[in-house]
Every structure is written in structure tokens, then in C-alpha cells.
Protein backbone atom coordinates (compact mmCIF):
# COMPACT_ATOMS: atom_id res chain seq x y z
CA UNK A 1 -0.18 0.20 -0.02
CA UNK A 2 2.95 2.37 0.95
CA UNK A 3 4.38 1.72 -2.71
CA UNK A 4 0.99 2.62 -4.26
CA UNK A 5 0.69 5.77 -2.16
CA UNK A 6 4.06 6.87 -3.33
CA UNK A 7 3.43 6.27 -6.87
CA UNK A 8 0.07 7.92 -6.75
CA UNK A 9 1.83 11.19 -5.05
CA UNK A 10 4.57 10.85 -7.70
CA UNK A 11 2.23 10.51 -10.49
CA UNK A 12 0.38 13.70 -9.31
CA UNK A 13 3.82 15.56 -9.03
CA UNK A 14 4.66 14.78 -12.51
CA UNK A 15 1.21 15.57 -13.84
CA UNK A 16 1.38 19.06 -12.62
CA UNK A 17 5.07 19.61 -13.68
CA UNK A 18 3.86 18.40 -17.00
CA UNK A 19 1.11 20.90 -17.09
CA UNK A 20 3.36 23.60 -16.17
CA UNK A 21 5.84 22.79 -18.79
CA UNK A 22 2.99 22.71 -21.59
CA UNK A 23 1.43 26.09 -20.24
CA UNK A 24 4.81 27.81 -20.44
CA UNK A 25 6.05 26.43 -23.77
CA UNK A 26 2.59 27.24 -25.30
CA UNK A 27 2.26 30.43 -23.76
CA UNK A 28 5.81 31.52 -24.99
CA UNK A 29 5.22 30.46 -28.37
CA UNK A 30 1.69 32.41 -28.76
CA UNK A 31 3.39 35.46 -27.24
CA UNK A 32 6.17 35.38 -29.77
CA UNK A 33 3.44 34.80 -32.51
CA UNK A 34 1.45 37.99 -31.33
CA UNK A 35 -1.31 36.41 -29.57
CA UNK A 36 -2.91 38.68 -27.00
CA UNK A 37 -2.44 37.92 -23.34
CA UNK A 38 -5.97 37.74 -22.72
CA UNK A 39 -6.52 35.03 -25.51
CA UNK A 40 -3.51 33.17 -23.97
CA UNK A 41 -5.17 33.40 -20.49
CA UNK A 42 -8.67 32.18 -21.93
CA UNK A 43 -7.47 29.32 -23.82
CA UNK A 44 -3.89 28.04 -23.67
CA UNK A 45 -3.57 28.57 -19.94
CA UNK A 46 -7.15 27.36 -19.35
CA UNK A 47 -6.45 24.26 -21.41
CA UNK A 48 -2.97 23.65 -19.70
CA UNK A 49 -4.44 23.78 -16.17
CA UNK A 50 -6.93 21.40 -17.25
CA UNK A 51 -4.38 18.89 -18.92
CA UNK A 52 -4.02 16.77 -15.60
CA UNK A 53 -7.65 16.05 -15.88
CA UNK A 54 -7.56 15.43 -19.48
CA UNK A 55 -4.52 12.98 -19.28
CA UNK A 56 -6.11 11.05 -16.32
CA UNK A 57 -9.73 10.75 -18.00
CA UNK A 58 -8.47 9.70 -21.39
CA UNK A 59 -6.06 7.22 -19.85
CA UNK A 60 -8.99 5.75 -17.54
CA UNK A 61 -11.44 5.75 -20.25
CA UNK A 62 -9.06 3.95 -22.79
CA UNK A 63 -8.50 1.27 -20.03
CA UNK A 64 -12.45 0.98 -19.59
CA UNK A 65 -12.45 2.51 -16.34
CA UNK A 66 -15.49 4.86 -16.96
CA UNK A 67 -15.93 5.40 -13.22
CA UNK A 68 -12.60 6.97 -12.71
CA UNK A 69 -13.10 9.23 -15.72
CA UNK A 70 -16.75 10.56 -14.44
CA UNK A 71 -15.64 10.76 -10.96
CA UNK A 72 -12.62 12.92 -12.03
CA UNK A 73 -14.84 15.64 -13.95
CA UNK A 74 -17.74 15.68 -11.57
CA UNK A 75 -15.16 15.90 -8.52
CA UNK A 76 -13.13 18.54 -10.25
CA UNK A 77 -16.10 20.68 -11.22
CA UNK A 78 -17.50 20.36 -7.64
CA UNK A 79 -14.01 21.19 -6.00
CA UNK A 80 -13.37 24.06 -8.42
CA UNK A 81 -16.29 26.07 -7.44
CA UNK A 82 -16.95 25.07 -3.76
CA UNK A 83 -13.22 24.72 -2.62
CA UNK A 84 -11.26 26.86 -4.84
CA UNK A 85 -13.70 29.83 -5.04
CA UNK A 86 -14.49 29.38 -1.33
CA UNK A 87 -11.01 29.39 -0.22
CA UNK A 88 -9.88 32.15 -2.66
CA UNK A 89 -12.73 34.54 -1.73
CA UNK A 90 -11.64 33.95 1.90
CA UNK A 91 -8.31 34.73 1.30
CA UNK A 92 -9.31 38.09 -0.65
CA UNK A 93 -12.91 38.90 -1.64
CA UNK A 94 -13.19 38.39 -5.31
CA UNK A 95 -14.82 40.95 -7.70
CA UNK A 96 -16.93 39.22 -10.57
CA UNK A 97 -16.63 40.66 -14.01
CA UNK A 98 -19.63 41.41 -15.97
CA UNK A 99 -19.01 38.75 -18.70
CA UNK A 100 -18.71 36.11 -16.11
CA UNK A 101 -22.19 37.09 -14.72
CA UNK A 102 -24.02 37.35 -17.88
CA UNK A 103 -22.38 34.84 -20.15
CA UNK A 104 -19.88 32.34 -18.49
CA UNK A 105 -21.83 31.35 -15.57
CA UNK A 106 -24.92 30.80 -17.57
CA UNK A 107 -22.89 28.64 -19.93
CA UNK A 108 -21.79 26.56 -17.24
CA UNK A 109 -25.04 25.85 -16.12
CA UNK A 110 -26.28 25.16 -19.47
CA UNK A 111 -23.19 22.80 -19.88
CA UNK A 112 -24.00 20.83 -16.59
CA UNK A 113 -27.68 20.62 -17.34
CA UNK A 114 -26.77 19.17 -21.00
CA UNK A 115 -24.25 16.63 -19.33
CA UNK A 116 -26.98 15.62 -17.07
CA UNK A 117 -29.43 15.19 -20.00
CA UNK A 118 -26.95 13.14 -21.91
CA UNK A 119 -26.24 10.54 -19.17
CA UNK A 120 -29.83 10.32 -18.17
CA UNK A 121 -29.97 6.85 -20.05
CA UNK A 122 -27.28 5.57 -17.97
CA UNK A 123 -24.55 6.04 -20.63
CA UNK A 124 -22.41 8.58 -22.06
CA UNK A 125 -21.45 7.36 -25.71
CA UNK A 126 -19.19 8.28 -28.60
CA UNK A 127 -22.06 10.51 -30.22
CA UNK A 128 -22.74 12.13 -26.88
CA UNK A 129 -18.78 12.76 -26.53
CA UNK A 130 -18.79 14.25 -30.08
CA UNK A 131 -21.74 16.48 -29.22
CA UNK A 132 -19.65 17.87 -26.35
CA UNK A 133 -16.61 18.39 -28.19
CA UNK A 134 -18.33 20.03 -30.89
CA UNK A 135 -19.80 22.59 -28.26
CA UNK A 136 -16.29 23.11 -26.65
CA UNK A 137 -15.21 24.44 -30.24
CA UNK A 138 -18.17 26.62 -30.51
CA UNK A 139 -17.22 27.88 -26.83
CA UNK A 140 -13.74 28.58 -27.60
CA UNK A 141 -14.79 30.51 -30.63
CA UNK A 142 -17.21 32.36 -28.64
CA UNK A 143 -14.55 33.21 -25.96
CA UNK A 144 -12.04 34.42 -28.63
CA UNK A 145 -14.74 36.77 -30.06
CA UNK A 146 -15.77 38.07 -26.67
CA UNK A 147 -12.15 38.83 -25.78
CA UNK A 148 -12.06 41.68 -28.31
CA UNK A 149 -14.67 43.45 -26.29
CA UNK A 150 -13.27 42.92 -22.92
CA UNK A 151 -12.91 46.04 -20.71
CA UNK A 152 -9.31 47.73 -20.51
CA UNK A 153 -9.18 46.64 -16.72
CA UNK A 154 -9.77 43.07 -17.71
CA UNK A 155 -7.17 43.21 -20.48
CA UNK A 156 -4.76 45.01 -18.14
CA UNK A 157 -4.98 42.11 -15.58
CA UNK A 158 -4.11 39.37 -18.11
CA UNK A 159 -1.34 41.72 -19.69
CA UNK A 160 0.21 41.90 -16.08
CA UNK A 161 -0.15 38.04 -15.79
CA UNK A 162 0.65 36.71 -19.21
CA UNK A 163 2.32 39.63 -21.19
CA UNK A 164 5.84 38.10 -21.11
CA UNK A 165 8.01 39.24 -24.08
CA UNK A 166 9.25 36.56 -26.08
CA UNK A 167 12.26 37.05 -28.45
CA UNK A 168 11.70 35.55 -31.84
CA UNK A 169 14.70 33.26 -32.31
CA UNK A 170 15.30 29.47 -33.60
CA UNK A 171 16.78 28.69 -30.28
CA UNK A 172 13.77 29.90 -28.34
CA UNK A 173 11.41 28.36 -30.61
CA UNK A 174 13.46 25.08 -30.18
CA UNK A 175 13.46 25.40 -26.41
CA UNK A 176 9.86 26.01 -26.20
CA UNK A 177 8.88 23.03 -28.53
CA UNK A 178 11.03 20.91 -26.24
CA UNK A 179 8.98 22.40 -23.23
CA UNK A 180 5.69 21.29 -24.92
CA UNK A 181 6.90 17.68 -25.77
CA UNK A 182 8.44 17.32 -22.30
CA UNK A 183 5.26 18.55 -20.68
CA UNK A 184 3.21 16.08 -22.94
CA UNK A 185 5.32 13.24 -22.14
CA UNK A 186 5.40 13.93 -18.47
CA UNK A 187 1.23 14.10 -18.78
CA UNK A 188 1.25 10.66 -20.31
CA UNK A 189 3.61 9.15 -17.67
CA UNK A 190 1.92 10.85 -14.78
CA UNK A 191 -1.68 9.91 -15.78
CA UNK A 192 -0.31 6.16 -16.10
CA UNK A 193 0.98 6.06 -12.59
CA UNK A 194 -1.91 8.06 -11.34
CA UNK A 195 -4.73 6.04 -12.74
CA UNK A 196 -2.89 2.72 -11.98
CA UNK A 197 -2.25 3.64 -8.15
CA UNK A 198 -5.70 4.96 -7.88
CA UNK A 199 -7.20 1.81 -8.89
CA UNK A 200 -4.99 0.05 -6.30
CA UNK A 201 -6.02 2.42 -3.57
CA UNK A 202 -9.75 1.83 -4.37
CA UNK A 203 -9.19 -1.90 -4.04
CA UNK A 204 -7.07 -1.50 -0.87
CA UNK A 205 -9.75 0.66 0.72
CA UNK A 206 -12.50 -1.45 -0.53
CA UNK A 207 -14.47 1.49 -2.17
CA UNK A 208 -15.44 2.12 -5.76
CA UNK A 209 -13.06 3.72 -8.29
CA UNK A 210 -15.83 6.31 -8.66
CA UNK A 211 -15.28 7.52 -5.06
CA UNK A 212 -11.61 7.52 -5.45
CA UNK A 213 -12.08 9.70 -8.71
CA UNK A 214 -14.59 12.04 -6.85
CA UNK A 215 -12.17 12.60 -4.05
CA UNK A 216 -8.38 12.42 -4.34
CA UNK A 217 -7.99 12.23 -8.08
CA UNK A 218 -10.21 15.11 -8.46
CA UNK A 219 -8.40 17.20 -5.80
CA UNK A 220 -5.20 16.06 -7.03
CA UNK A 221 -5.79 16.98 -10.55
CA UNK A 222 -7.33 20.28 -9.64
CA UNK A 223 -4.09 21.57 -7.84
CA UNK A 224 -3.00 23.78 -10.71
CA UNK A 225 -6.41 25.64 -10.67
CA UNK A 226 -5.85 26.06 -6.82
CA UNK A 227 -2.42 27.52 -7.50
CA UNK A 228 -3.73 29.83 -10.13
CA UNK A 229 -6.76 31.13 -8.52
CA UNK A 230 -5.00 31.67 -5.12
CA UNK A 231 -2.13 33.62 -6.42
CA UNK A 232 -4.23 35.57 -8.69
CA UNK A 233 -6.59 36.65 -5.98
CA UNK A 234 -3.70 37.64 -3.79
CA UNK A 235 -2.22 39.85 -6.77
CA UNK A 236 -5.87 41.29 -7.10
CA UNK A 237 -6.33 39.73 -10.55
CA UNK A 238 -10.08 38.68 -9.58
CA UNK A 239 -10.95 37.90 -13.16
CA UNK A 240 -8.30 35.46 -13.67
CA UNK A 241 -9.16 33.65 -10.39
CA UNK A 242 -12.87 33.34 -11.24
CA UNK A 243 -12.63 33.02 -14.79
CA UNK A 244 -10.03 30.00 -14.09
CA UNK A 245 -12.31 27.98 -12.08
CA UNK A 246 -15.47 28.58 -14.21
CA UNK A 247 -13.64 28.23 -17.58
CA UNK A 248 -12.01 24.97 -16.25
CA UNK A 249 -15.40 23.51 -15.32
CA UNK A 250 -16.87 24.27 -18.70
CA UNK A 251 -13.82 22.64 -20.26
CA UNK A 252 -14.01 19.52 -18.00
CA UNK A 253 -17.43 18.93 -19.23
CA UNK A 254 -17.19 19.67 -22.99
CA UNK A 255 -13.65 18.69 -23.42
CA UNK A 256 -12.36 16.16 -20.90
CA UNK A 257 -15.84 14.28 -20.53
CA UNK A 258 -16.14 14.37 -24.33
CA UNK A 259 -12.88 13.15 -25.25
CA UNK A 260 -13.30 10.32 -22.47
CA UNK A 261 -16.70 9.30 -24.03
CA UNK A 262 -15.21 8.99 -27.50
CA UNK A 263 -11.95 7.35 -26.44
CA UNK A 264 -13.93 4.90 -23.93
CA UNK A 265 -14.56 1.49 -25.86
CA UNK A 266 -18.12 1.09 -24.68
CA UNK A 267 -18.89 4.76 -23.69
CA UNK A 268 -18.99 5.99 -19.95
CA UNK A 269 -21.60 4.13 -17.88
CA UNK A 270 -23.29 6.12 -15.19
CA UNK A 271 -24.48 4.24 -12.00
CA UNK A 272 -27.84 5.16 -10.49
CA UNK A 273 -26.20 6.68 -7.41
CA UNK A 274 -24.50 9.24 -9.56
CA UNK A 275 -27.43 10.17 -11.41
CA UNK A 276 -29.25 10.55 -8.02
CA UNK A 277 -27.00 12.60 -6.10
CA UNK A 278 -23.57 13.51 -7.68
CA UNK A 279 -24.63 14.77 -10.88
CA UNK A 280 -27.37 16.93 -9.32
CA UNK A 281 -24.79 18.37 -6.84
CA UNK A 282 -22.52 19.44 -9.67
CA UNK A 283 -25.83 21.20 -11.45
CA UNK A 284 -26.56 22.80 -8.13
CA UNK A 285 -22.88 24.17 -7.78
CA UNK A 286 -23.07 25.62 -11.09
CA UNK A 287 -26.84 27.10 -10.31
CA UNK A 288 -25.39 28.69 -7.09
CA UNK A 289 -22.91 30.66 -8.71
CA UNK A 290 -25.75 32.68 -10.21
CA UNK A 291 -27.31 34.64 -7.48
CA UNK A 292 -23.74 34.49 -5.57
CA UNK A 293 -22.33 36.62 -8.78
CA UNK A 294 -25.09 38.73 -9.06
CA UNK A 295 -24.85 39.88 -5.11
CA UNK A 296 -22.88 42.94 -5.38
CA UNK A 297 -20.89 41.48 -8.55
CA UNK A 298 -18.60 39.94 -5.95
CA UNK A 299 -17.97 36.81 -3.73
CA UNK A 300 -17.61 37.91 -0.10
CA UNK A 301 -15.73 36.23 2.63
CA UNK A 302 -19.17 35.09 4.07
CA UNK A 303 -20.41 33.72 0.71
CA UNK A 304 -16.89 31.91 0.42
CA UNK A 305 -17.52 30.41 3.70
CA UNK A 306 -20.76 29.11 2.56
CA UNK A 307 -19.22 27.51 -0.56
CA UNK A 308 -16.76 25.79 1.50
CA UNK A 309 -19.16 24.53 3.93
CA UNK A 310 -21.11 23.09 0.98
CA UNK A 311 -17.91 21.24 -0.35
CA UNK A 312 -17.22 19.77 3.48
CA UNK A 313 -20.79 18.76 3.41
CA UNK A 314 -20.31 16.85 0.38
CA UNK A 315 -17.15 15.21 1.55
CA UNK A 316 -18.71 13.95 4.63
CA UNK A 317 -22.00 12.64 2.60
CA UNK A 318 -19.88 10.60 0.01
CA UNK A 319 -17.52 9.20 2.89
CA UNK A 320 -20.45 8.01 4.93
CA UNK A 321 -22.22 6.64 1.54
CA UNK A 322 -18.98 4.67 0.79
CA UNK A 323 -18.93 3.30 4.38
CA UNK A 324 -22.69 2.57 4.11
CA UNK A 325 -22.84 4.44 7.50
CA UNK A 326 -26.06 4.63 9.55
CA UNK A 327 -25.76 8.25 9.87
CA UNK A 328 -26.16 8.80 6.04
CA UNK A 329 -30.06 9.29 6.36
CA UNK A 330 -29.82 11.87 9.07
CA UNK A 331 -27.16 13.79 6.92
CA UNK A 332 -29.26 13.52 3.97
CA UNK A 333 -32.16 15.28 5.68
CA UNK A 334 -29.80 18.06 6.57
CA UNK A 335 -28.58 18.54 3.12
CA UNK A 336 -31.91 18.52 1.82
CA UNK A 337 -32.85 21.45 4.12
CA UNK A 338 -29.62 23.27 4.22
CA UNK A 339 -28.84 23.39 0.36
CA UNK A 340 -32.16 24.80 -0.87
CA UNK A 341 -32.76 27.07 2.08
CA UNK A 342 -29.24 28.87 1.66
CA UNK A 343 -29.81 29.03 -2.17
CA UNK A 344 -33.36 30.60 -1.73
CA UNK A 345 -31.78 33.16 0.71
CA UNK A 346 -29.11 33.86 -1.87
CA UNK A 347 -31.65 34.36 -4.48
CA UNK A 348 -33.62 36.75 -2.33
CA UNK A 349 -30.58 38.76 -1.52
CA UNK A 350 -29.49 38.76 -5.12
CA UNK A 351 -32.83 39.96 -6.39
CA UNK A 352 -32.60 42.83 -3.82
CA UNK A 353 -29.05 43.78 -5.04
CA UNK A 354 -30.50 43.85 -8.74
CA UNK A 355 -33.36 46.13 -7.67
CA UNK A 356 -30.99 48.38 -5.83
CA UNK A 357 -28.59 48.58 -8.88
CA UNK A 358 -31.64 49.38 -11.06
CA UNK A 359 -32.89 52.12 -8.95
CA UNK A 360 -29.30 53.69 -8.71
CA UNK A 361 -29.14 53.74 -12.38
CA UNK A 362 -32.53 55.15 -12.49
CA UNK A 363 -31.74 58.01 -9.89
CA UNK A 364 -28.57 58.71 -12.16
């Protein structure tokens, strides 16, 4: 078991290192070609930070371990919003850009609902995967077009983070290509080790691969997003912090899950408990961003604490479910009461905030 855990940790470290090399090489080449920092942040960096999820999902799907693929995507999406945005906003309250409120958050909710609809029959097949991938292409084109109309403040934030001058020389181009190749190689190696060890850990603990995917694999592969978001928040670059979490979730559903479904020999099967709980939780997580984003166009420390409390409850629930604990029904009742009640409270506050903004505009 010790060797398996060490293999898991080593695979995770190699995955994160590979993602970093991939992002650095790709960003430098894009910068040398004159691509704007905003576009680099919205596409190359977003895809790069999601590359651990991509590598793990493709590897597990190709091996016929669909539970691990599904668990990785669902767990990462729940973790990205509840934990990353929760912790990030506790560190420093986050200001939400207008585009995230009006476009990206609704797109995330739409992608989550679509995923729920596609897997409602208990399987995510190759055709479903192709639909998701096609929508990913549409989303990327949409994001690139929207980047041209972004405010100067948002463009400045991305320029400060990604506008690194790259000298066009054969040596620099060769170095960056090597970084990309090395990053891809490490992603393949790391995903192999991580998937193999995750399966062994599941067997040793007597839990399903789905549980391991929803927890340790999802958290581990989301570490690049944690680092990016927290550092961006500390620098006051709130658009990058929130955009990274929301963008990664959209990419996970459309890209990672889409690729996994296409690569999987028989598609990704979805067990009943995922349809009854984990998928609805993911949809709820996407839904709860709307009122929170609308309230004063920011995520306060109190709202961040609420998001974090949701995630703690979710972890407790799936742990008790895996252990088949007798305390599970009591927790279910609490969750059924707590989640809708707090959500309705957020909706009421959001409506009041929206009315106050409209009255303010009218008075002006």
C-alpha cells in the first residue's frame, strides 16, 4: 500500500510538472506569434491547467475505467467552485467581471444541464462525446470573439500576468517546443501512474473507483487551478481567479468528458447513485454561482465560507455513503434542508441587490 501511495503522489507531481511545462512552452510560442495576453489566458492557460484532468480521463477511459473518468470530472467541477472559489474569496474577496455574470456562469449551468440530460439513460456514448466536443469548439470561438470586447481593466489584468516578451529566435522556438513535448510526455507518464495507483487504492480501501475519482483524484488533478486562482486573488487579479475556475469547469464537461466518452470502448456508464446525487450536486454547484455572482458582483468572505461549507458537507456525505454508515439518512435530511434554504436566501439577496442597482441607475 505504501508503494501505491508513493506512486500516486509521484504521478500527481509529474502531472502538475507536465502541465506547467506545457503552459510555459505554449504561452511563450503564442506570445512570440503576437497572440494577446487575454486570449492566452482564456485558451492556452485554461487548457493547460485542465491538462491533468484530460490526461487522467483519457487514460482511464481507454482502460475501460469509466467510473474514474466520470468521478474525476464531477469531483473536479464540484471542487473548483466550492473549494477553490470558497478558499480564494476567504483569502481576498473577489470582484466578478460582467462577462462572467452574464455569459460564462449561464454557459456553465447550461453545460451542466446538458451533461445531466445526455447521461440520463445511464451511458455517455461516443455520439454524446462528439456533441460535447463540438460545443467546446463553439465555446472557444465564442470566448475568443468576446475577448475583443473586454474592458481595459480586464485586459490589463491578463497583460500583467501573461504579457511576457518572447524574443523570436530559432533557439527560443526550439526550447519552447521541447518544453511542450516534455510536458506532454510527463502528462502521459503521470496519468499512467496516477490511474494505476488510484485503482489499487480503491481496491485496498474497499471502495469504488468512482469514490476515489470524486475525491483524491479530482482534488489532485485540480491543484493547478488552486495555485492559479489563489495567486491571482492575492495579486488582485480577480477576473483570472474566477475565470480560471468557471472556464476549467466548462472545459472539463465539454472537453475532458467529451474526449473520455469518445475514447472509451463502450462509452462511460453512469451508475444510479451518480444520477441521483453527484450529478445533481454538480448542477446545483453551477446554479448557486448565479445568485452569488449577482450579489454586489463579488464573492464576499461570508459567501466563500458558505461555498466551503457546501464542499465539506459533500465530502462527509460521500464518505458516509462509501462506508454505508447508519448516519447517512440523517445527513441526507440536513443536506435536503440546508442546500435549498441557503440557495433561496442567496436568490432573495441577489434580487434585492439587482433592484438596488436598477434604482441607482434610474436615479442617475
